[in-house]
C-alpha cells in the first residue's frame, strides 16, 4: 500500500542494536533474542535485513560500544547504514539502499524506543513507507531521573500510539514478533 512507486518489497530495519546503546537497556536479552529470531526469519524468507548504526560524541564510530551487539551478526551482503541523527533517513544512505532493494514497507526493530526508533518510524511514514513496529523487539534505557516514564511505560506507550498511526496511502501498526508477516501487511 506504500505511496512509493515500484517498491513492492519489505525489509527488516534493525536500528542501533549496538553494544553501547543496548547495554543496560530494559529487557535487553529478551529484546535482542527477538531481534535475532526476526533476522534469521527474514534471511530464510529472503527478506532484506538492513542494519543502522549510530555514532556521535558519546558513541564513537569504530569503538567497541559502536559495534552491533555480540549476539547479532550482520551478513556480509546485508547493507549497513551509518547515521548521526535520530531519524535513520536523515543525511544517510538509507533511502538509496531501500530504493535499490525496491523496498516500500519496513518492519522496524531496535533501540532506543523513545529516540531513534520513534524518529525512524515517523521519518519512514512521512517519506511514503509503510512502517510496522515490532512491539516486543525494541527497547530503551531508563531516563526516569530526567523526568521520563520508566522504560516499560515508554515502550508500552510507543506500541499503543504506533498501533493507531495513519497517513494517506500508507499503513502503520504494531505487531509482536510471533505475528510478523514479512509477506503480508502485519
Protein backbone atom coordinates (compact mmCIF):
# COMPACT_ATOMS: atom_id res chain seq x y z
CA UNK A 1 0.00 0.00 0.00
CA UNK A 2 3.05 2.27 0.20
CA UNK A 3 2.88 5.51 -1.76
CA UNK A 4 6.31 4.78 -3.26
CA UNK A 5 6.04 3.56 -6.85
CA UNK A 6 7.54 0.21 -7.85
CA UNK A 7 8.54 -0.60 -4.27
CA UNK A 8 6.77 -3.92 -3.54
CA UNK A 9 9.37 -5.37 -1.15
CA UNK A 10 9.64 -5.47 2.62
CA UNK A 11 12.83 -5.06 4.64
CA UNK A 12 13.68 -5.69 8.28
CA UNK A 13 15.27 -2.48 9.59
CA UNK A 14 17.48 -3.07 12.63
CA UNK A 15 18.09 0.31 14.30
CA UNK A 16 21.06 0.88 16.60
CA UNK A 17 21.28 -2.51 18.30
CA UNK A 18 24.83 -1.63 19.29
CA UNK A 19 26.72 -2.73 22.37
CA UNK A 20 26.82 0.74 23.94
CA UNK A 21 23.21 1.51 23.05
CA UNK A 22 21.54 -1.63 24.41
CA UNK A 23 23.88 -2.23 27.34
CA UNK A 24 21.64 -1.93 30.39
CA UNK A 25 18.50 -1.42 28.30
CA UNK A 26 15.11 -2.64 29.51
CA UNK A 27 14.76 -6.43 28.99
CA UNK A 28 17.88 -6.30 26.84
CA UNK A 29 18.47 -10.04 26.44
CA UNK A 30 14.87 -10.88 25.51
CA UNK A 31 14.68 -7.99 23.03
CA UNK A 32 17.99 -8.89 21.37
CA UNK A 33 16.84 -12.53 21.17
CA UNK A 34 13.59 -11.46 19.48
CA UNK A 35 15.55 -9.33 17.02
CA UNK A 36 17.91 -12.23 16.34
CA UNK A 37 14.96 -14.51 15.63
CA UNK A 38 13.48 -11.98 13.22
CA UNK A 39 16.82 -11.57 11.44
CA UNK A 40 17.03 -15.34 10.92
CA UNK A 41 13.41 -15.49 9.69
CA UNK A 42 14.00 -12.62 7.29
CA UNK A 43 17.07 -14.34 5.89
CA UNK A 44 15.19 -17.63 5.44
CA UNK A 45 12.38 -15.79 3.66
CA UNK A 46 14.86 -13.81 1.54
CA UNK A 47 13.72 -10.51 3.04
CA UNK A 48 16.47 -7.87 3.10
CA UNK A 49 17.93 -7.06 6.51
CA UNK A 50 19.26 -3.51 6.77
CA UNK A 51 21.44 -2.55 9.74
CA UNK A 52 21.66 1.01 11.09
CA UNK A 53 24.49 2.16 13.35
CA UNK A 54 24.56 5.47 15.19
CA UNK A 55 27.66 7.44 16.06
CA UNK A 56 28.18 10.74 17.88
CA UNK A 57 30.48 12.23 20.51
CA UNK A 58 29.25 9.68 23.08
CA UNK A 59 29.29 6.71 20.71
CA UNK A 60 32.49 6.91 18.71
CA UNK A 61 32.48 5.36 15.24
CA UNK A 62 34.53 2.15 15.25
CA UNK A 63 34.65 1.85 19.05
CA UNK A 64 33.70 -1.35 20.87
CA UNK A 65 30.44 0.28 22.05
CA UNK A 66 29.63 1.26 18.43
CA UNK A 67 29.69 -2.37 17.27
CA UNK A 68 26.50 -4.38 16.76
CA UNK A 69 25.51 -6.40 19.88
CA UNK A 70 27.58 -9.58 20.11
CA UNK A 71 24.57 -11.89 19.72
CA UNK A 72 23.78 -10.45 16.30
CA UNK A 73 25.95 -10.76 13.22
CA UNK A 74 25.15 -8.76 10.10
CA UNK A 75 25.67 -10.80 6.95
CA UNK A 76 28.43 -9.75 4.60
CA UNK A 77 25.92 -8.84 1.88
CA UNK A 78 23.49 -7.07 4.22
CA UNK A 79 23.54 -3.28 3.90
CA UNK A 80 24.79 -1.15 6.76
CA UNK A 81 23.78 2.47 7.14
CA UNK A 82 25.73 4.83 9.36
CA UNK A 83 23.91 7.76 10.94
CA UNK A 84 24.45 10.72 13.22
CA UNK A 85 20.83 11.80 13.81
CA UNK A 86 17.80 10.09 15.35
CA UNK A 87 15.94 9.58 12.09
CA UNK A 88 17.78 6.83 10.19
CA UNK A 89 16.91 8.56 6.91
CA UNK A 90 18.37 11.95 7.83
CA UNK A 91 21.65 12.60 5.98
CA UNK A 92 22.28 8.87 5.36
CA UNK A 93 22.26 6.37 2.51
CA UNK A 94 19.14 4.60 3.81
CA UNK A 95 16.76 5.87 1.12
CA UNK A 96 19.18 4.82 -1.64
CA UNK A 97 19.67 1.39 -0.06
CA UNK A 98 15.91 0.82 0.20
CA UNK A 99 15.24 2.14 -3.29
CA UNK A 100 17.87 -0.19 -4.75
CA UNK A 101 16.11 -3.09 -2.98
CA UNK A 102 12.65 -1.89 -4.19
CA UNK A 103 11.51 -1.65 -0.55
CA UNK A 104 8.35 0.25 0.30
CA UNK A 105 7.48 -1.50 3.57
CA UNK A 106 9.63 -1.54 6.71
CA UNK A 107 9.45 -3.81 9.73
CA UNK A 108 11.30 -1.85 12.42
CA UNK A 109 13.15 -3.16 15.49
CA UNK A 110 15.91 -1.78 17.67
CA UNK A 111 16.86 0.93 20.13
CA UNK A 112 16.17 3.31 21.60
CA UNK A 113 12.38 3.32 21.61
CA UNK A 114 11.95 6.97 22.58
CA UNK A 115 14.68 8.31 20.32
CA UNK A 116 15.97 6.68 17.15
CA UNK A 117 13.23 4.05 16.76
CA UNK A 118 10.47 6.66 17.12
CA UNK A 119 12.24 9.14 14.84
CA UNK A 120 12.87 6.50 12.19
CA UNK A 121 9.25 5.30 12.25
CA UNK A 122 7.96 8.83 11.73
CA UNK A 123 10.65 9.50 9.12
CA UNK A 124 9.63 6.40 7.19
CA UNK A 125 5.92 7.21 7.24
CA UNK A 126 6.41 10.82 6.15
CA UNK A 127 8.63 9.65 3.28
CA UNK A 128 5.94 7.30 1.93
CA UNK A 129 6.85 3.96 3.52
CA UNK A 130 4.53 1.56 5.27
CA UNK A 131 6.07 1.14 8.73
CA UNK A 132 5.39 -1.67 11.17
CA UNK A 133 6.88 -1.61 14.67
CA UNK A 134 7.63 -4.95 16.33
CA UNK A 135 6.33 -4.26 19.84
CA UNK A 136 8.49 -6.81 21.66
CA UNK A 137 11.65 -6.14 19.64
CA UNK A 138 12.57 -2.58 20.66
CA UNK A 139 13.91 -1.20 23.91
CA UNK A 140 15.28 1.81 25.72
CA UNK A 141 17.30 2.75 28.75
CA UNK A 142 15.90 4.23 31.94
CA UNK A 143 15.65 8.00 31.65
CA UNK A 144 13.34 8.49 34.65
CA UNK A 145 15.94 10.55 36.51
CA UNK A 146 15.35 13.24 33.85
CA UNK A 147 11.56 13.05 34.17
CA UNK A 148 10.74 10.39 31.61
CA UNK A 149 8.42 7.50 32.46
CA UNK A 150 10.05 4.14 33.29
CA UNK A 151 11.19 2.16 30.21
CA UNK A 152 8.32 -0.33 30.28
CA UNK A 153 5.83 2.57 30.10
CA UNK A 154 7.77 4.28 27.29
CA UNK A 155 7.71 1.03 25.30
CA UNK A 156 4.02 0.37 26.03
CA UNK A 157 3.05 3.92 25.05
CA UNK A 158 5.03 3.74 21.80
CA UNK A 159 3.43 0.40 20.94
CA UNK A 160 -0.01 1.86 21.67
CA UNK A 161 0.27 5.07 19.69
CA UNK A 162 2.00 3.43 16.71
CA UNK A 163 -0.90 0.94 16.55
CA UNK A 164 -3.18 3.87 15.65
CA UNK A 165 -0.80 5.83 13.41
CA UNK A 166 -2.19 6.63 9.96
CA UNK A 167 -1.24 8.51 6.82
CA UNK A 168 -2.81 8.74 3.36
CA UNK A 169 -1.96 5.71 1.25
CA UNK A 170 0.29 4.19 3.88
CA UNK A 171 -0.04 1.68 6.68
CA UNK A 172 1.44 1.67 10.14
CA UNK A 173 0.94 -0.58 13.11
CA UNK A 174 2.43 -2.63 15.87
CA UNK A 175 2.77 -6.42 15.98
CA UNK A 176 4.61 -8.85 18.23
CA UNK A 177 7.49 -10.98 16.98
CA UNK A 178 5.45 -14.14 16.52
CA UNK A 179 2.92 -12.26 14.35
CA UNK A 180 5.38 -10.62 11.96
CA UNK A 181 4.44 -11.49 8.39
CA UNK A 182 7.15 -10.29 6.03
CA UNK A 183 4.99 -11.11 3.00
CA UNK A 184 1.77 -9.51 4.25
CA UNK A 185 0.56 -6.41 5.98
CA UNK A 186 1.19 -7.29 9.61
